Structures are given as C-alpha cells and as structure tokens.
Amino acid sequence: MKTGGRTRGKVDMTQGPIMRNIMIFALPIIAGNILQYLYTTVDTLVIGNYCDHTAIAAVGTSAQPIEVLLCIFLGIGTGVSIRISQYAGANDNEGMRRACRTAVSFVYMFGIPISILGWFIAPLILKLMGVPDDVWEYALIYTRIVLCSAVGNIGYNMNAGILRGLGDSNASLYFLMAACAINIGLDILLTAVFGMGVVGVAIATGTAMFISWMISIIYIRKKYPELMFPILPNGVDNKELKEILSIGLPIGLNNSLFSFGHVALQTLINEQGSVFMAGWSVGGRVTGLANMAITGMSSAATTYSGQNYGANRIDRLKEGYVWIPMASGLITLSFGILFIMVRMPILRLFTDEADVLALAGRNVLIMLSCQWMFAVFNAISCIINGTGRVKFTTIINLLMLWAVRIPVAYLIARLWDGRNVMYAFPVSFCFGMLCMIAYYLLSPSWKRLLASA
C-alpha cells in the first residue's frame, strides 16, 4: 500500500514533497539517536553516581579506540546502504538480495575475529594513547569487554544500513528502544545493585547491542521476505562486494582515520589529567544530545540521493541538494542554542565536582556554538556520497582532521594552553563546510550530473 511516497512503512524519496519525506525519514532516526544517547548517558550517570571521576574519564577515553576499530565497518555498512538505496530506486529486488547476502557474510568474516583480537590489542591501544595510571585499570577492562562484543555492534549497524537504504527508518527506532531498555536495566542491576562498576556498564552496553542485532535479523526476515535475508553466511557475490567496498571502504577508512585523529586529540586531553578528561567526557554528554539531528538528516540525505540517483531522478536530486543541508544546519543550531542555555543543570546530573563542571560547561559552549557548520558539511557530503562520488568527501574529511584540526589543536596545546584544545573544532568545521560548498559550485562532475536533469 502506497501513500504519498510511503510504502509498507518505507519512504520513497523519488516522489512526493522533498522536505516532508526527509523529515518523515529523519525523525525516527533522531528519536533513535536520543534513545542511544539515553542508554550511553545512563552509563555515565550510573558511573558518576556510583564511582569516581576516574571511572568517568576511563569510559570517555576508551570510547575513542573502540570507535577507530569499528568505524571502518560502519563505513562499509554505509556502502551497503547506498547500494540498497540505488537498487530500491531501480526496483531491482535481485540486486538487493545479492547485497544482503554479501553483507551478512561480511559481518561474520570480520566481526568475529575483531571480537577475539580485541581482548589482546586493548592494552597496546591504551598505551599509545597515554592513558594515566589512575584511569588505566578501568579503561582496560571497559575496552576489552566492549571490543569482545564488536560482532553485535557491526551486525546491528550493517542491518540498520540495509533498512535505511530501503527507506525504512522506523525499524532502527524499535531496535534501539529494546537496546535502551536492556542497557538501562542491566546498568542498574550490575552496577547499582551488584556493585560491578565499569565492568557492569561494559557488559550492559555489549549485551544490549548484541540483542538489537538479533532483533534486526528477525525483523528483516519477517518484514521483507523478498530479500531472503540469511541468518548465517550464505556466500559472497564478488562483483557486489567489489561495488560495496568501492563505495564503503573509502568512507570506512575515512571514518577510521577520522576516529584515529580523535585518539590523537584524546592524547592531548589525557595530558591534562583525569579531571580534564572527566570534564571532556561529561561535556560530551550534552553536546551529543544537542547534535541528534545531524545523524538523522545525514542518513536521510544519503538515502534521498541514492534512491533518486538509482531511479535517474536527477531533477529531484537537483531540487533537494541545497534545502537538505540548510535544514540540517538550522535544526542543529537551534538545538545548540537551547542546550547552551540549560547546560549547567544537565551537567550537574553527572557530577557535583566543581572543577569538572567548569571544564564541561566551557566545552559545551564552544562546541555547540559551531556545530551547525559540521551539520551543513555532513549533509552535503552524504548527498555526494549517495551518488557514489566518495573520493572528494573522503579527501576533505581527512584534510579537515589531519591538516586542520589536529595541527591547530597541537599548536594551541604547545603555544597557548592544552585546556583550550576544543577551539580547534570550530576552525576545522568551517574549513570542511566551505570545501563542500565549493564542490557544489565548482566541481565539473557535479555540474554535469545536475545538467543531465
């Protein structure tokens, strides 16, 4: 049954009002992000109320290396999502089945080894990051446990990408609702009741994501029987894998190198001591909440671009390629202003240590005043990626981090004060946004694509 661009709960981006479809698609993802934020925030709340600031610092710094290892596979999941969206736009069910079979096999081939190796490589990663002695024990056990559950994280995000490519953004919300309930319940049980501390939080996080992966498999098999979605590895289509990797691997490598850059920045943060680390981590809870719209709007932009490109609706692509980034920037700016105004009451939920609160409050103010530029940059990047043109966005992502943010941060730390490294973020966001706008205006490839409408 089809109604105004919606079919069986899916959003068909190739017809109907553009911004209406974008918001219908993005809102469940934004709601899901809020839920995901909620259960990661509960981790911090539980730790903050039942442990000390070193435990908060440990969880905050451990998140960075975990992100580095997983981001490459999340990028490949984006490649699957783009291929699925292009097949959906072209009404090619066989193509979607090939992509799904290949994606499932990929999860097992790489997710299981990472889950095993994670236990052994965690100490090396944390040593490279210069984690302080008073944080080391907590950071090591948290990193090890979460990496051991990596296959669940990779599997869930791969399936969520498939569903986004189909235009079904509601499903991820359902999965995250389940994950949120499981994570909160286990956090309270293992940490607050049984006193397991950081270990309990890590087990709760990994278990929740693994169960979400299982639920997503059941959902896809029941809701989309035409995909013949396998539970276990069922062969790899080499041509399809090549196409997925040609799109997803540059995005994944870019994301991984980007996250590795965050590890480099985290090293600067770690040099400032556990109090500053805790302030950075707590501040990130508020900035994360304020930036919920970015992921939702970016996912909508990717699906919109992919479906219309696959359907050869370049006229539709031409209509939305400016409005979507503008909307993402305005929404992010609005959230940023709101949370700047109420940041201190929220921060006090996590800790009552005055030094930590002061650093966290300043972090929130600086980050949220400029995050709208990143929203514009990210939305334009996703629109370009949806057409398969990933090289330029990959290069700019890397330059934004390695040629701008990290050098600026190190200059600030060495020539000014290491506690001001967050000022490197607005500089890099502005650089990335201007580069993406320049691509729109000057790229011959992009001009030829729009001219074919």
Protein backbone atom coordinates (compact mmCIF):
# COMPACT_ATOMS: atom_id res chain seq x y z
CA MET A 1 0.00 0.00 0.00
CA LYS A 2 1.44 3.36 -1.05
CA THR A 3 0.58 6.81 0.33
CA GLY A 4 2.42 9.99 -0.69
CA GLY A 5 5.84 8.43 -1.00
CA ARG A 6 5.41 5.80 1.74
CA THR A 7 5.12 2.08 1.03
CA ARG A 8 4.78 -0.55 3.77
CA GLY A 9 6.45 1.79 6.25
CA LYS A 10 9.19 2.73 3.77
CA VAL A 11 9.83 6.25 2.48
CA ASP A 12 10.09 6.54 -1.30
CA MET A 13 12.36 9.53 -1.84
CA THR A 14 11.73 9.56 -5.59
CA GLN A 15 8.28 11.11 -5.24
CA GLY A 16 6.27 13.42 -3.01
CA PRO A 17 7.29 16.60 -1.13
CA ILE A 18 11.05 16.54 -0.59
CA MET A 19 11.38 18.03 2.88
CA ARG A 20 8.30 16.18 4.13
CA ASN A 21 9.88 12.87 3.11
CA ILE A 22 13.23 13.90 4.56
CA MET A 23 11.67 14.70 7.93
CA ILE A 24 9.49 11.56 7.95
CA PHE A 25 12.63 9.53 7.34
CA ALA A 26 14.90 11.50 9.69
CA LEU A 27 12.62 11.81 12.73
CA PRO A 28 12.70 8.10 13.69
CA ILE A 29 16.50 8.15 13.37
CA ILE A 30 16.68 11.27 15.54
CA ALA A 31 14.40 9.59 18.08
CA GLY A 32 16.62 6.52 17.90
CA ASN A 33 19.68 8.69 18.47
CA ILE A 34 18.01 10.12 21.55
CA LEU A 35 17.43 6.60 22.82
CA GLN A 36 21.00 5.62 22.02
CA TYR A 37 22.16 8.74 23.78
CA LEU A 38 19.93 7.85 26.70
CA TYR A 39 21.46 4.47 27.28
CA THR A 40 25.04 5.69 26.85
CA THR A 41 24.18 8.59 29.15
CA VAL A 42 22.79 6.19 31.72
CA ASP A 43 26.24 4.56 31.66
CA THR A 44 27.81 7.89 32.59
CA LEU A 45 25.11 8.70 35.14
CA VAL A 46 25.50 5.35 36.87
CA ILE A 47 29.29 5.62 36.88
CA GLY A 48 29.16 9.23 38.06
CA ASN A 49 26.89 8.35 40.98
CA TYR A 50 28.42 5.01 41.98
CA CYS A 51 32.09 5.52 41.04
CA ASP A 52 34.53 8.45 41.00
CA HIS A 53 35.73 10.79 38.25
CA THR A 54 38.48 8.39 37.17
CA ALA A 55 35.82 5.88 36.09
CA ILE A 56 34.06 8.61 34.05
CA ALA A 57 37.40 9.51 32.46
CA ALA A 58 38.10 5.85 31.66
CA VAL A 59 34.83 5.29 29.82
CA GLY A 60 35.25 8.57 27.92
CA THR A 61 38.78 7.82 26.74
CA SER A 62 38.00 4.15 25.96
CA ALA A 63 35.27 5.16 23.54
CA GLN A 64 37.85 6.60 21.12
CA PRO A 65 39.87 3.46 20.25
CA ILE A 66 36.69 1.42 20.06
CA GLU A 67 35.35 3.92 17.54
CA VAL A 68 38.55 3.66 15.48
CA LEU A 69 38.25 -0.12 15.11
CA LEU A 70 34.53 -0.15 14.36
CA CYS A 71 34.29 2.87 12.07
CA ILE A 72 35.76 1.16 9.04
CA PHE A 73 32.99 -1.45 9.19
CA LEU A 74 30.35 1.20 9.77
CA GLY A 75 31.60 2.87 6.58
CA ILE A 76 31.22 -0.39 4.70
CA GLY A 77 27.70 -0.57 6.16
CA THR A 78 27.10 2.83 4.60
CA GLY A 79 28.30 1.37 1.31
CA VAL A 80 25.71 -1.41 1.66
CA SER A 81 23.05 1.20 2.47
CA ILE A 82 23.90 3.22 -0.64
CA ARG A 83 23.81 0.11 -2.86
CA ILE A 84 20.48 -0.94 -1.37
CA SER A 85 19.03 2.55 -1.88
CA GLN A 86 20.17 2.55 -5.52
CA TYR A 87 18.64 -0.91 -6.08
CA ALA A 88 15.44 0.22 -4.34
CA GLY A 89 15.23 3.28 -6.60
CA ALA A 90 15.63 1.00 -9.62
CA ASN A 91 13.16 -1.63 -8.21
CA ASP A 92 15.88 -4.30 -8.50
CA ASN A 93 14.99 -6.99 -5.92
CA GLU A 94 17.66 -9.41 -7.10
CA GLY A 95 20.31 -6.74 -6.62
CA MET A 96 19.07 -6.11 -3.09
CA ARG A 97 19.23 -9.85 -2.31
CA ARG A 98 22.82 -10.06 -3.55
CA ALA A 99 23.82 -7.07 -1.42
CA CYS A 100 22.14 -8.54 1.68
CA ARG A 101 23.79 -11.97 1.30
CA THR A 102 27.17 -10.36 0.84
CA ALA A 103 26.68 -8.03 3.82
CA VAL A 104 25.71 -10.88 6.18
CA SER A 105 28.74 -12.94 5.19
CA PHE A 106 30.95 -9.90 5.64
CA VAL A 107 29.72 -9.40 9.22
CA TYR A 108 30.76 -12.89 10.25
CA MET A 109 34.05 -12.92 8.33
CA PHE A 110 35.33 -9.78 10.05
CA GLY A 111 33.20 -9.24 13.15
CA ILE A 112 34.15 -12.48 14.90
CA PRO A 113 37.95 -12.04 14.50
CA ILE A 114 37.71 -8.48 15.83
CA SER A 115 35.74 -9.69 18.85
CA ILE A 116 38.52 -12.18 19.62
CA LEU A 117 41.51 -9.95 18.89
CA GLY A 118 40.02 -7.01 20.79
CA TRP A 119 40.93 -8.54 24.15
CA PHE A 120 44.62 -8.77 23.23
CA ILE A 121 45.14 -5.46 21.44
CA ALA A 122 43.35 -3.28 24.03
CA PRO A 123 46.46 -2.72 26.24
CA LEU A 124 48.58 -1.66 23.27
CA ILE A 125 45.96 0.85 22.12
CA LEU A 126 45.61 2.42 25.55
CA LYS A 127 49.41 2.66 25.96
CA LEU A 128 49.65 4.51 22.65
CA MET A 129 47.01 6.92 23.94
CA GLY A 130 48.99 7.68 27.08
CA VAL A 131 46.15 6.79 29.46
CA PRO A 132 47.08 7.94 33.00
CA ASP A 133 47.80 5.36 35.68
CA ASP A 134 44.79 6.31 37.81
CA VAL A 135 42.49 5.62 34.85
CA TRP A 136 44.30 2.60 33.35
CA GLU A 137 42.57 -0.31 35.09
CA TYR A 138 39.05 0.93 34.40
CA ALA A 139 39.87 1.87 30.79
CA LEU A 140 41.45 -1.51 30.03
CA ILE A 141 38.59 -3.68 31.25
CA TYR A 142 35.94 -1.47 29.62
CA THR A 143 37.77 -1.51 26.25
CA ARG A 144 38.28 -5.26 26.36
CA ILE A 145 34.68 -6.12 27.18
CA VAL A 146 33.14 -3.76 24.60
CA LEU A 147 35.52 -4.95 21.85
CA CYS A 148 34.62 -8.56 22.62
CA SER A 149 31.02 -7.69 21.70
CA ALA A 150 32.07 -5.98 18.44
CA VAL A 151 30.34 -8.54 16.20
CA GLY A 152 26.97 -7.48 17.63
CA ASN A 153 27.74 -3.83 17.03
CA ILE A 154 28.90 -4.44 13.45
CA GLY A 155 25.94 -6.72 12.69
CA TYR A 156 23.39 -4.28 14.06
CA ASN A 157 24.80 -1.30 12.17
CA MET A 158 25.03 -3.30 8.93
CA ASN A 159 21.36 -4.29 9.22
CA ALA A 160 20.36 -0.75 10.15
CA GLY A 161 22.13 0.44 6.98
CA ILE A 162 20.19 -2.06 4.88
CA LEU A 163 16.92 -0.82 6.33
CA ARG A 164 17.84 2.82 5.76
CA GLY A 165 18.65 2.00 2.15
CA LEU A 166 15.17 0.51 1.81
CA GLY A 167 13.69 3.73 3.18
CA ASP A 168 12.67 2.11 6.49
CA SER A 169 13.98 4.32 9.26
CA ASN A 170 11.32 3.34 11.81
CA ALA A 171 12.84 -0.09 12.37
CA SER A 172 16.08 1.21 13.91
CA LEU A 173 13.99 3.13 16.41
CA TYR A 174 12.27 -0.07 17.52
CA PHE A 175 15.59 -1.87 17.89
CA LEU A 176 17.10 0.95 19.92
CA MET A 177 14.06 1.06 22.18
CA ALA A 178 14.77 -2.56 23.04
CA ALA A 179 18.50 -1.89 23.43
CA CYS A 180 17.82 1.11 25.65
CA ALA A 181 15.54 -0.85 27.99
CA ILE A 182 18.02 -3.74 28.20
CA ASN A 183 21.01 -1.46 28.77
CA ILE A 184 19.35 0.64 31.46
CA GLY A 185 18.06 -2.45 33.26
CA LEU A 186 21.47 -4.16 33.20
CA ASP A 187 23.26 -0.93 34.21
CA ILE A 188 21.13 -0.63 37.31
CA LEU A 189 21.31 -4.34 38.11
CA LEU A 190 25.02 -4.91 37.54
CA THR A 191 26.44 -1.59 38.72
CA ALA A 192 23.98 -0.09 41.20
CA VAL A 193 22.77 -3.37 42.75
CA PHE A 194 25.72 -5.77 42.36
CA GLY A 195 28.43 -3.09 42.52
CA MET A 196 30.29 -4.24 39.40
CA GLY A 197 31.25 -0.67 38.42
CA VAL A 198 32.78 -0.16 34.98
CA VAL A 199 32.63 -3.90 34.27
CA GLY A 200 28.85 -3.87 34.71
CA VAL A 201 28.45 -0.88 32.41
CA ALA A 202 30.57 -2.52 29.69
CA ILE A 203 28.65 -5.81 29.90
CA ALA A 204 25.34 -3.94 29.71
CA THR A 205 26.43 -2.00 26.61
CA GLY A 206 27.71 -5.03 24.73
CA THR A 207 24.71 -7.20 25.61
CA ALA A 208 22.20 -4.56 24.53
CA MET A 209 23.81 -4.14 21.10
CA PHE A 210 24.05 -7.90 20.53
CA ILE A 211 20.36 -8.38 21.29
CA SER A 212 19.49 -5.48 18.96
CA TRP A 213 21.37 -7.29 16.18
CA MET A 214 19.31 -10.43 16.76
CA ILE A 215 16.07 -8.44 16.74
CA SER A 216 17.04 -6.71 13.49
CA ILE A 217 17.59 -10.08 11.78
CA ILE A 218 14.15 -11.30 12.84
CA TYR A 219 12.54 -8.05 11.70
CA ILE A 220 14.12 -8.05 8.23
CA ARG A 221 13.24 -11.70 7.61
CA LYS A 222 9.63 -11.14 8.63
CA LYS A 223 9.02 -7.69 7.10
CA TYR A 224 10.93 -8.15 3.84
CA PRO A 225 10.65 -11.82 2.81
CA GLU A 226 11.52 -10.86 -0.78
CA LEU A 227 15.09 -10.18 0.40
CA MET A 228 15.54 -13.82 1.50
CA PHE A 229 17.71 -12.43 4.30
CA PRO A 230 20.06 -15.15 5.67
CA ILE A 231 20.81 -15.68 9.36
CA LEU A 232 24.23 -17.24 8.73
CA PRO A 233 26.82 -16.62 5.99
CA ASN A 234 25.37 -17.63 2.64
CA GLY A 235 28.03 -16.83 0.08
CA VAL A 236 29.68 -13.68 -1.18
CA ASP A 237 28.97 -12.19 -4.59
CA ASN A 238 32.42 -10.97 -5.59
CA LYS A 239 31.15 -8.33 -8.00
CA GLU A 240 28.72 -7.00 -5.43
CA LEU A 241 31.38 -6.99 -2.73
CA LYS A 242 33.66 -5.01 -5.03
CA GLU A 243 30.93 -2.43 -5.62
CA ILE A 244 30.14 -2.20 -1.90
CA LEU A 245 33.80 -1.81 -0.99
CA SER A 246 34.42 0.75 -3.73
CA ILE A 247 31.85 2.97 -2.02
CA GLY A 248 32.06 1.88 1.60
CA LEU A 249 35.79 1.29 2.07
CA PRO A 250 36.83 4.91 1.36
CA ILE A 251 34.07 6.05 3.74
CA GLY A 252 35.14 3.47 6.31
CA LEU A 253 38.85 4.26 6.04
CA ASN A 254 37.99 7.93 6.23
CA ASN A 255 35.86 7.35 9.32
CA SER A 256 38.56 5.20 10.88
CA LEU A 257 41.31 7.72 10.19
CA PHE A 258 38.98 10.42 11.42
CA SER A 259 38.42 8.49 14.64
CA PHE A 260 42.14 7.82 14.90
CA GLY A 261 42.54 11.57 14.78
CA HIS A 262 40.17 11.76 17.73
CA VAL A 263 42.52 9.36 19.53
CA ALA A 264 45.38 11.77 18.79
CA LEU A 265 43.30 14.58 20.25
CA GLN A 266 42.35 12.38 23.18
CA THR A 267 46.08 12.01 23.86
CA LEU A 268 46.26 15.79 24.25
CA ILE A 269 43.24 15.65 26.53
CA ASN A 270 44.79 12.87 28.60
CA GLU A 271 47.89 15.02 29.12
CA GLN A 272 45.74 17.47 31.07
CA GLY A 273 44.91 14.91 33.77
CA SER A 274 41.86 12.93 34.89
CA VAL A 275 39.81 15.99 35.94
CA PHE A 276 40.03 17.50 32.47
CA MET A 277 39.32 14.08 30.93
CA ALA A 278 36.19 13.76 33.06
CA GLY A 279 35.08 17.29 32.13
CA TRP A 280 35.53 16.49 28.44
CA SER A 281 33.56 13.26 28.80
CA VAL A 282 30.70 14.83 30.75
CA GLY A 283 30.54 17.80 28.36
CA GLY A 284 30.26 15.32 25.51
CA ARG A 285 27.02 14.03 27.01
CA VAL A 286 25.37 17.43 26.40
CA THR A 287 26.95 18.12 23.01
CA GLY A 288 25.87 14.66 21.90
CA LEU A 289 22.28 15.33 22.91
CA ALA A 290 22.25 18.66 21.07
CA ASN A 291 23.55 17.11 17.86
CA MET A 292 20.94 14.39 17.46
CA ALA A 293 19.63 15.88 14.23
CA ILE A 294 22.92 15.53 12.35
CA THR A 295 22.86 11.74 12.01
CA GLY A 296 19.18 11.63 11.13
CA MET A 297 19.40 14.33 8.49
CA SER A 298 22.61 12.85 7.07
CA SER A 299 21.07 9.38 6.77
CA ALA A 300 18.05 10.92 5.08
CA ALA A 301 20.35 12.81 2.70
CA THR A 302 22.21 9.62 1.75
CA THR A 303 19.01 7.67 1.10
CA TYR A 304 17.42 10.58 -0.78
CA SER A 305 20.47 10.92 -3.01
CA GLY A 306 20.91 7.18 -3.54
CA GLN A 307 17.28 6.44 -4.40
CA ASN A 308 16.95 9.35 -6.81
CA TYR A 309 20.30 8.63 -8.42
CA GLY A 310 19.35 4.96 -8.83
CA ALA A 311 16.00 5.95 -10.33
CA ASN A 312 17.70 8.54 -12.58
CA ARG A 313 15.60 11.27 -10.95
CA ILE A 314 18.34 13.89 -11.21
CA ASP A 315 15.65 16.56 -11.26
CA ARG A 316 14.69 15.51 -7.71
CA LEU A 317 18.32 15.45 -6.65
CA LYS A 318 18.74 18.96 -8.01
CA GLU A 319 15.71 20.17 -6.04
CA GLY A 320 16.90 18.91 -2.66
CA TYR A 321 20.67 19.28 -2.68
CA VAL A 322 20.59 22.78 -1.14
CA TRP A 323 17.50 22.59 1.08
CA ILE A 324 18.58 19.49 2.99
CA PRO A 325 21.96 20.89 4.22
CA MET A 326 20.28 24.20 5.13
CA ALA A 327 17.62 22.42 7.16
CA SER A 328 20.22 20.28 8.92
CA GLY A 329 22.27 23.34 9.84
CA LEU A 330 19.29 25.29 11.16
CA ILE A 331 17.99 22.39 13.24
CA THR A 332 21.42 21.75 14.73
CA LEU A 333 21.89 25.45 15.53
CA SER A 334 18.50 25.57 17.25
CA PHE A 335 19.33 22.55 19.41
CA GLY A 336 22.74 24.05 20.16
CA ILE A 337 21.34 27.34 21.43
CA LEU A 338 18.79 25.52 23.58
CA PHE A 339 21.34 23.28 25.25
CA ILE A 340 23.86 26.06 25.77
CA MET A 341 21.18 27.81 27.81
CA VAL A 342 20.41 24.80 30.02
CA ARG A 343 23.83 23.13 30.06
CA MET A 344 24.72 23.55 33.74
CA PRO A 345 21.60 21.92 35.24
CA ILE A 346 22.10 18.96 32.89
CA LEU A 347 25.81 18.67 33.68
CA ARG A 348 25.08 18.59 37.42
CA LEU A 349 23.19 15.35 36.89
CA PHE A 350 26.52 13.66 36.11
CA THR A 351 28.83 15.08 38.75
CA ASP A 352 28.99 17.59 41.59
CA GLU A 353 32.75 18.20 41.33
CA ALA A 354 33.19 21.92 40.67
CA ASP A 355 36.35 21.66 38.57
CA VAL A 356 34.82 19.02 36.32
CA LEU A 357 31.63 21.07 35.91
CA ALA A 358 33.52 24.24 34.96
CA LEU A 359 35.52 22.48 32.26
CA ALA A 360 32.48 20.63 30.94
CA GLY A 361 30.41 23.83 30.75
CA ARG A 362 33.05 25.62 28.71
CA ASN A 363 33.40 22.64 26.40
CA VAL A 364 29.66 22.66 25.71
CA LEU A 365 29.60 26.39 24.98
CA ILE A 366 32.45 26.25 22.45
CA MET A 367 31.34 23.08 20.69
CA LEU A 368 27.64 23.86 20.33
CA SER A 369 28.21 27.38 19.05
CA CYS A 370 29.86 25.95 15.91
CA GLN A 371 28.35 22.51 15.39
CA TRP A 372 25.87 23.80 12.80
CA MET A 373 28.77 24.13 10.34
CA PHE A 374 29.53 20.44 10.75
CA ALA A 375 25.85 19.65 10.11
CA VAL A 376 25.95 21.50 6.77
CA PHE A 377 29.25 19.85 5.84
CA ASN A 378 27.97 16.38 6.72
CA ALA A 379 24.67 16.71 4.85
CA ILE A 380 26.41 17.84 1.65
CA SER A 381 28.93 15.00 1.99
CA CYS A 382 26.13 12.44 2.33
CA ILE A 383 24.31 13.77 -0.74
CA ILE A 384 27.50 13.48 -2.78
CA ASN A 385 28.24 10.00 -1.35
CA GLY A 386 24.75 8.82 -2.30
CA THR A 387 25.70 9.21 -5.96
CA GLY A 388 28.81 7.08 -5.45
CA ARG A 389 31.19 10.06 -5.64
CA VAL A 390 33.08 9.37 -2.43
CA LYS A 391 36.65 10.40 -3.30
CA PHE A 392 36.30 14.14 -2.76
CA THR A 393 34.37 13.81 0.50
CA THR A 394 36.96 11.34 1.79
CA ILE A 395 39.82 13.71 0.98
CA ILE A 396 38.12 16.70 2.60
CA ASN A 397 37.25 14.67 5.72
CA LEU A 398 40.88 13.73 6.12
CA LEU A 399 42.14 17.24 5.45
CA MET A 400 39.63 18.68 7.89
CA LEU A 401 41.06 16.50 10.62
CA TRP A 402 44.71 15.90 9.81
CA ALA A 403 45.58 19.16 8.06
CA VAL A 404 43.44 21.47 10.19
CA ARG A 405 42.01 20.21 13.49
CA ILE A 406 44.96 18.21 14.82
CA PRO A 407 47.68 20.73 13.84
CA VAL A 408 45.62 23.58 15.30
CA ALA A 409 44.99 21.61 18.49
CA TYR A 410 48.69 20.81 18.91
CA LEU A 411 49.63 24.44 18.29
CA ILE A 412 47.11 25.53 20.91
CA ALA A 413 48.44 22.96 23.38
CA ARG A 414 52.09 23.87 22.84
CA LEU A 415 51.85 27.63 22.37
CA TRP A 416 48.83 28.54 24.49
CA ASP A 417 47.13 26.14 26.93
CA GLY A 418 46.22 22.49 26.48
CA ARG A 419 42.89 23.13 28.17
CA ASN A 420 41.84 25.17 25.14
CA VAL A 421 42.24 22.45 22.51
CA MET A 422 38.49 22.46 21.80
CA TYR A 423 38.95 25.71 19.84
CA ALA A 424 40.42 23.58 17.05
CA PHE A 425 36.94 22.21 16.32
CA PRO A 426 35.24 25.39 15.01
CA VAL A 427 38.24 26.05 12.76
CA SER A 428 38.00 22.58 11.19
CA PHE A 429 34.20 22.67 10.88
CA CYS A 430 34.37 25.95 8.97
CA PHE A 431 37.06 24.56 6.66
CA GLY A 432 35.02 21.43 5.87
CA MET A 433 31.80 23.34 5.22
CA LEU A 434 33.46 25.80 2.84
CA CYS A 435 35.11 22.95 0.91
CA MET A 436 31.77 21.18 0.42
CA ILE A 437 30.08 24.37 -0.75
CA ALA A 438 32.97 24.90 -3.17
CA TYR A 439 32.38 21.39 -4.57
CA TYR A 440 28.75 22.25 -5.24
CA LEU A 441 29.75 25.42 -7.05
CA LEU A 442 32.91 24.39 -8.89
CA SER A 443 33.06 20.62 -9.46
CA PRO A 444 32.76 19.75 -13.19
CA SER A 445 31.50 16.24 -12.32
CA TRP A 446 28.73 17.62 -10.11
CA LYS A 447 27.77 20.25 -12.69
CA ARG A 448 27.48 17.58 -15.39
CA LEU A 449 25.30 15.43 -13.15
CA LEU A 450 22.86 18.26 -12.41
CA ALA A 451 22.87 19.36 -16.04
CA SER A 452 21.60 15.91 -17.04
CA ALA A 453 18.30 16.56 -15.26
